[in-house]
Protein backbone atom coordinates (compact mmCIF):
# COMPACT_ATOMS: atom_id res chain seq x y z
CA MET A 1 73.46 17.55 117.89
CA PRO A 2 76.50 19.84 117.43
CA SER A 3 76.31 22.16 114.44
CA ALA A 4 78.38 21.30 111.39
CA SER A 5 81.35 23.45 110.43
CA PRO A 6 80.83 26.04 107.65
CA ILE A 7 83.40 24.16 105.51
CA ALA A 8 81.47 20.88 105.83
CA VAL A 9 78.16 22.61 105.09
CA ASN A 10 79.59 24.30 102.01
CA GLU A 11 81.10 21.07 100.66
CA ASN A 12 77.86 19.18 101.31
CA PHE A 13 75.81 21.89 99.59
CA ARG A 14 78.25 22.13 96.67
CA GLN A 15 78.03 18.38 95.97
CA TRP A 16 74.25 18.51 96.09
CA LEU A 17 74.06 21.58 93.82
CA GLN A 18 76.41 19.92 91.31
CA LYS A 19 74.03 16.97 91.09
CA GLU A 20 71.02 19.25 90.65
CA PHE A 21 72.77 20.94 87.73
CA THR A 22 74.05 17.79 86.02
CA ASP A 23 70.62 16.13 86.37
CA LYS A 24 69.10 19.05 84.45
CA CYS A 25 71.85 18.80 81.81
CA ARG A 26 71.16 15.07 81.37
CA ASN A 27 67.42 15.68 80.91
CA ASN A 28 68.05 18.54 78.47
CA PRO A 29 71.34 18.45 76.50
CA ARG A 30 70.92 22.17 75.67
CA TYR A 31 70.68 23.18 79.33
CA SER A 32 73.48 25.56 80.32
CA LEU A 33 75.07 27.15 83.35
CA ARG A 34 73.38 30.40 82.33
CA SER A 35 69.98 28.66 82.37
CA PHE A 36 70.71 27.28 85.83
CA SER A 37 71.84 30.70 87.05
CA ARG A 38 68.61 32.28 85.83
CA LEU A 39 66.62 29.65 87.71
CA LEU A 40 68.58 30.39 90.90
CA GLU A 41 68.36 34.17 90.33
CA THR A 42 72.14 34.33 90.79
CA ASP A 43 74.76 35.58 88.34
CA PRO A 44 76.56 32.85 86.31
CA SER A 45 80.00 33.75 87.66
CA SER A 46 78.87 33.20 91.26
CA VAL A 47 77.18 29.90 90.43
CA SER A 48 80.31 28.71 88.61
CA GLN A 49 82.49 29.59 91.62
CA ILE A 50 80.09 27.81 94.00
CA LEU A 51 80.08 24.66 91.86
CA SER A 52 83.88 24.65 91.65
CA GLY A 53 84.37 25.28 95.37
CA LYS A 54 86.01 28.66 94.86
CA ARG A 55 83.25 30.56 96.68
CA ARG A 56 81.82 30.06 100.15
CA VAL A 57 78.03 30.16 100.52
CA SER A 58 76.18 31.63 103.48
CA VAL A 59 73.26 29.83 105.11
CA ARG A 60 71.03 32.63 103.82
CA ALA A 61 72.23 32.02 100.24
CA ILE A 62 71.69 28.27 100.65
CA GLN A 63 68.16 28.98 101.86
CA LYS A 64 67.49 31.19 98.82
CA ILE A 65 68.80 28.63 96.32
CA CYS A 66 66.86 25.81 97.99
CA GLY A 67 63.74 27.94 97.77
CA ARG A 68 64.28 28.52 94.04
CA LEU A 69 64.63 24.74 93.56
CA SER A 70 61.59 23.95 95.77
CA VAL A 71 63.65 21.76 98.07
CA ALA A 72 61.79 19.78 100.73
CA PRO A 73 62.50 20.84 104.35
CA ALA A 74 64.07 17.46 105.16
CA ILE A 75 66.61 17.84 102.34
CA TYR A 76 67.38 21.42 103.38
CA THR A 77 68.08 20.22 106.93
CA ARG A 78 70.36 17.46 105.65
CA LEU A 79 72.30 19.94 103.54
CA LEU A 80 73.09 21.95 106.66
CA GLU A 81 74.36 18.90 108.54
CA GLY A 82 77.57 18.67 106.54
CA GLU A 83 77.40 14.94 105.94
CA PRO A 84 80.78 13.21 105.41
CA ALA A 85 81.91 12.47 101.86
CA PRO A 86 81.09 8.98 100.54
CA MET A 87 83.91 6.47 100.81
CA ALA A 88 85.44 3.70 98.75
CA LEU A 89 87.21 0.52 99.86
CA ARG A 90 90.61 -0.14 98.24
CA THR A 91 92.67 -3.25 97.72
CA ALA A 92 95.99 -3.55 95.86
CA THR A 93 94.41 -3.35 92.38
CA THR A 94 90.68 -2.70 92.89
CA VAL A 95 88.49 -0.04 94.44
CA GLN A 96 85.00 -1.06 95.61
CA LEU A 97 82.65 1.92 95.68
CA SER A 98 80.20 2.28 98.52
CA ALA A 99 76.55 2.77 97.54
CA ASP A 100 76.79 6.47 98.44
CA ALA A 101 80.00 6.93 96.47
CA PHE A 102 78.52 5.24 93.40
CA ALA A 103 75.41 7.44 93.62
CA VAL A 104 77.64 10.50 93.24
CA ILE A 105 79.12 9.24 89.95
CA ALA A 106 76.21 7.19 88.57
CA ASP A 107 76.16 9.12 85.28
CA TRP A 108 77.88 7.02 82.60
CA TYR A 109 80.50 9.60 81.62
CA HIS A 110 82.35 9.38 84.96
CA TYR A 111 83.57 5.87 84.08
CA ALA A 112 84.25 6.98 80.50
CA ILE A 113 86.50 9.78 81.77
CA LEU A 114 88.47 7.30 83.89
CA GLU A 115 89.09 5.11 80.85
CA LEU A 116 89.73 8.07 78.56
CA THR A 117 92.86 8.84 80.59
CA TYR A 118 94.43 5.66 79.10
CA THR A 119 93.90 6.68 75.47
CA VAL A 120 96.57 7.95 73.10
CA GLY A 121 96.56 11.76 72.92
CA PHE A 122 94.50 12.24 76.09
CA LYS A 123 94.21 15.83 77.30
CA SER A 124 93.18 16.83 80.82
CA ASP A 125 91.31 19.88 79.53
CA PRO A 126 87.56 19.56 80.43
CA ARG A 127 86.64 21.09 77.07
CA TRP A 128 88.59 18.39 75.21
CA ILE A 129 87.01 15.68 77.38
CA ALA A 130 83.55 17.16 76.81
CA GLN A 131 84.05 17.14 73.05
CA LYS A 132 85.26 13.53 73.07
CA LEU A 133 82.27 12.31 75.09
CA SER A 134 79.62 14.65 73.63
CA ILE A 135 78.80 16.15 77.03
CA THR A 136 78.95 19.79 78.14
CA PRO A 137 82.17 21.36 79.48
CA ALA A 138 80.33 22.01 82.76
CA GLU A 139 79.43 18.32 83.08
CA ALA A 140 83.06 17.36 82.37
CA THR A 141 84.41 19.86 84.92
CA ILE A 142 82.02 18.70 87.66
CA ALA A 143 82.70 15.03 86.86
CA ILE A 144 86.47 15.58 87.17
CA ASP A 145 85.93 17.33 90.50
CA ARG A 146 83.88 14.38 91.79
CA LEU A 147 86.42 11.80 90.62
CA LEU A 148 89.26 13.72 92.26
CA ARG A 149 87.26 14.05 95.49
CA LEU A 150 86.62 10.30 95.57
CA GLU A 151 90.32 9.72 94.76
CA LEU A 152 89.46 7.77 91.63
CA LEU A 153 91.45 10.34 89.64
CA THR A 154 94.66 12.03 90.71
CA ARG A 155 96.90 14.69 89.17
CA SER A 156 100.44 13.83 88.18
CA ARG A 157 102.59 16.59 86.66
CA GLY A 158 99.44 18.47 85.68
CA ARG A 159 97.87 15.44 84.00
CA LEU A 160 94.77 13.57 85.14
CA VAL A 161 95.54 9.92 85.91
CA LYS A 162 93.22 7.07 86.86
CA LYS A 163 94.31 5.99 90.33
CA ASP A 164 93.11 2.36 90.39
CA GLU A 165 93.19 -0.21 87.60
CA THR A 166 89.71 -1.57 88.41
CA VAL A 167 86.74 0.39 89.81
CA THR A 168 83.62 -1.59 90.62
CA ASN A 169 80.21 -0.97 92.15
CA TYR A 170 79.16 -4.64 91.98
CA ARG A 171 77.35 -6.16 94.96
CA ALA A 172 75.76 -9.59 94.61
CA GLY A 173 71.99 -9.45 94.63
CA GLU A 174 71.83 -5.65 94.95
CA THR A 175 70.36 -3.18 92.45
CA ALA A 176 70.17 0.26 94.08
CA PRO A 177 68.29 3.17 92.41
CA ALA A 178 71.56 4.77 91.29
CA LEU A 179 72.68 1.50 89.68
CA ARG A 180 69.35 1.15 87.86
CA GLU A 181 69.77 4.68 86.50
CA PHE A 182 73.32 3.87 85.38
CA GLN A 183 72.09 0.73 83.60
CA ARG A 184 69.36 2.73 81.85
CA GLN A 185 71.94 5.22 80.60
CA ILE A 186 74.20 2.45 79.28
CA LEU A 187 71.30 0.83 77.41
CA LYS A 188 70.32 4.24 76.00
CA LYS A 189 73.87 4.62 74.65
CA ALA A 190 73.51 1.19 73.00
CA LEU A 191 70.23 2.28 71.40
CA ASP A 192 71.93 5.41 70.05
CA ALA A 193 74.74 3.26 68.63
CA ILE A 194 72.19 1.28 66.57
CA ASP A 195 71.42 4.41 64.55
CA PHE A 196 74.57 6.51 64.76
CA THR A 197 77.61 4.19 64.95
CA ALA A 198 79.23 2.74 61.83
CA PRO A 199 78.77 -1.05 61.41
CA GLU A 200 82.51 -1.71 61.55
CA GLU A 201 82.71 -0.02 64.97
CA LYS A 202 79.97 -2.00 66.71
CA ASP A 203 78.59 -5.48 67.25
CA ILE A 204 75.00 -5.48 68.48
CA THR A 205 73.50 -8.95 68.34
CA SER A 206 71.16 -11.11 70.38
CA MET A 207 69.83 -14.64 70.80
CA THR A 208 66.49 -15.94 72.01
CA MET A 209 66.59 -19.39 73.57
CA ALA A 210 64.66 -21.77 75.76
CA VAL A 211 66.85 -22.42 78.82
CA ASN A 212 67.26 -24.58 81.88
CA GLU A 213 66.90 -22.04 84.72
CA GLU A 214 68.99 -24.17 87.06
CA LEU A 215 72.04 -23.35 84.91
CA LEU A 216 71.60 -19.55 85.18
CA PRO A 217 74.01 -19.08 88.13
CA GLU A 218 76.78 -20.78 86.11
CA ALA A 219 75.79 -18.74 83.03
CA ARG A 220 76.18 -15.50 84.99
CA ALA A 221 79.59 -16.64 86.23
CA ARG A 222 80.67 -17.42 82.64
CA ILE A 223 79.49 -13.98 81.47
CA LYS A 224 81.57 -12.36 84.22
CA THR A 225 84.65 -14.35 83.17
CA PHE A 226 84.03 -13.51 79.52
CA ARG A 227 83.80 -9.78 80.28
CA ARG A 228 87.11 -9.81 82.12
CA GLU A 229 88.90 -11.89 79.48
CA LEU A 230 87.65 -9.65 76.66
CA CYS A 231 88.69 -6.55 78.61
CA ASP A 232 92.20 -7.96 79.07
CA PHE A 233 92.37 -8.74 75.34
CA LEU A 234 91.13 -5.33 74.11
CA THR A 235 93.37 -3.28 76.42
CA GLN A 236 96.59 -4.64 74.93
CA GLY A 237 98.73 -2.14 73.04
CA PRO A 238 97.82 1.53 72.41
CA ARG A 239 94.29 2.44 73.51
CA THR A 240 92.57 4.79 71.07
CA LYS A 241 88.87 4.82 72.00
CA VAL A 242 86.58 4.18 74.97
CA TYR A 243 83.94 1.48 74.45
CA HIS A 244 81.02 0.11 76.48
CA LEU A 245 80.57 -3.66 76.59
CA GLY A 246 77.03 -4.71 77.46
CA VAL A 247 75.99 -8.34 77.83
CA GLN A 248 72.35 -8.92 78.74
CA ILE A 249 70.49 -12.11 79.54
CA TYR A 250 66.93 -11.90 80.86
CA PRO A 251 63.62 -13.79 80.69
CA VAL A 252 60.94 -12.82 78.20
CA THR A 253 58.40 -15.30 79.61
CA THR A 254 56.72 -15.17 83.00
CA ALA A 255 56.84 -17.99 85.52
CA THR A 256 54.10 -20.54 84.92
CA ASN A 257 52.41 -22.59 87.61
CA GLN A 258 51.65 -26.00 86.15
CA LYS A 259 48.31 -26.31 87.95
CA ASP A 260 47.11 -23.12 86.23
CA LEU A 261 47.53 -24.60 82.76
CA PRO A 262 44.28 -25.31 80.92
CA ASP A 263 43.45 -28.92 80.05
CA ALA A 264 44.49 -29.96 76.56
């Protein structure tokens, strides 16, 4: 197999290292670039330049960093192959993310940043975005870089702009690991809202019901229609905040085989 170009290797490694850092930030909100630099035994300025793509990395440096992060040999080999960037399929108004592309931006705040660009008073400064979303400036900076690379964001006259009206990762019957992680994060945000969001700014309710399972496909279709109609309604006029809408329907009983029932 022909060797990958140094540019491809560096971009591949940079994307991977960004994910390693943001994963640690997600698991520990107090984790910092300085903490990451200490772990890598590299000065913070160099790590920042690597993450932002302003500094090239030698194979020897990649080997050292991978050693500090206890990377498996198979992953190290893949990093040196310079894999192509994940792609997205576009139509006139919608972009459908590939599984690989979605995995890159599976953290909830990527979608929040896209929607934040529509709000009144939006600023493209990563520090402002970080403050609005209660994430770190480093997470905001890396997220913006990813969204620009996937062409979900673009720059117009120095301002970040969402490129497509609708971005979706939906695939019928598919729940990839990255999607499951995204769903967990969204539900965690809902749990936080129970305790920390004012009653007038939320509506968290539920129903428990006995159902006819044969009607579930139609129920799912109605939920999808409801989500879209409510989105169209709430995006009229000036947009001032970014919200998550979560609608869940799931069984709380297990399937029962009639022949296993005890006699009355």
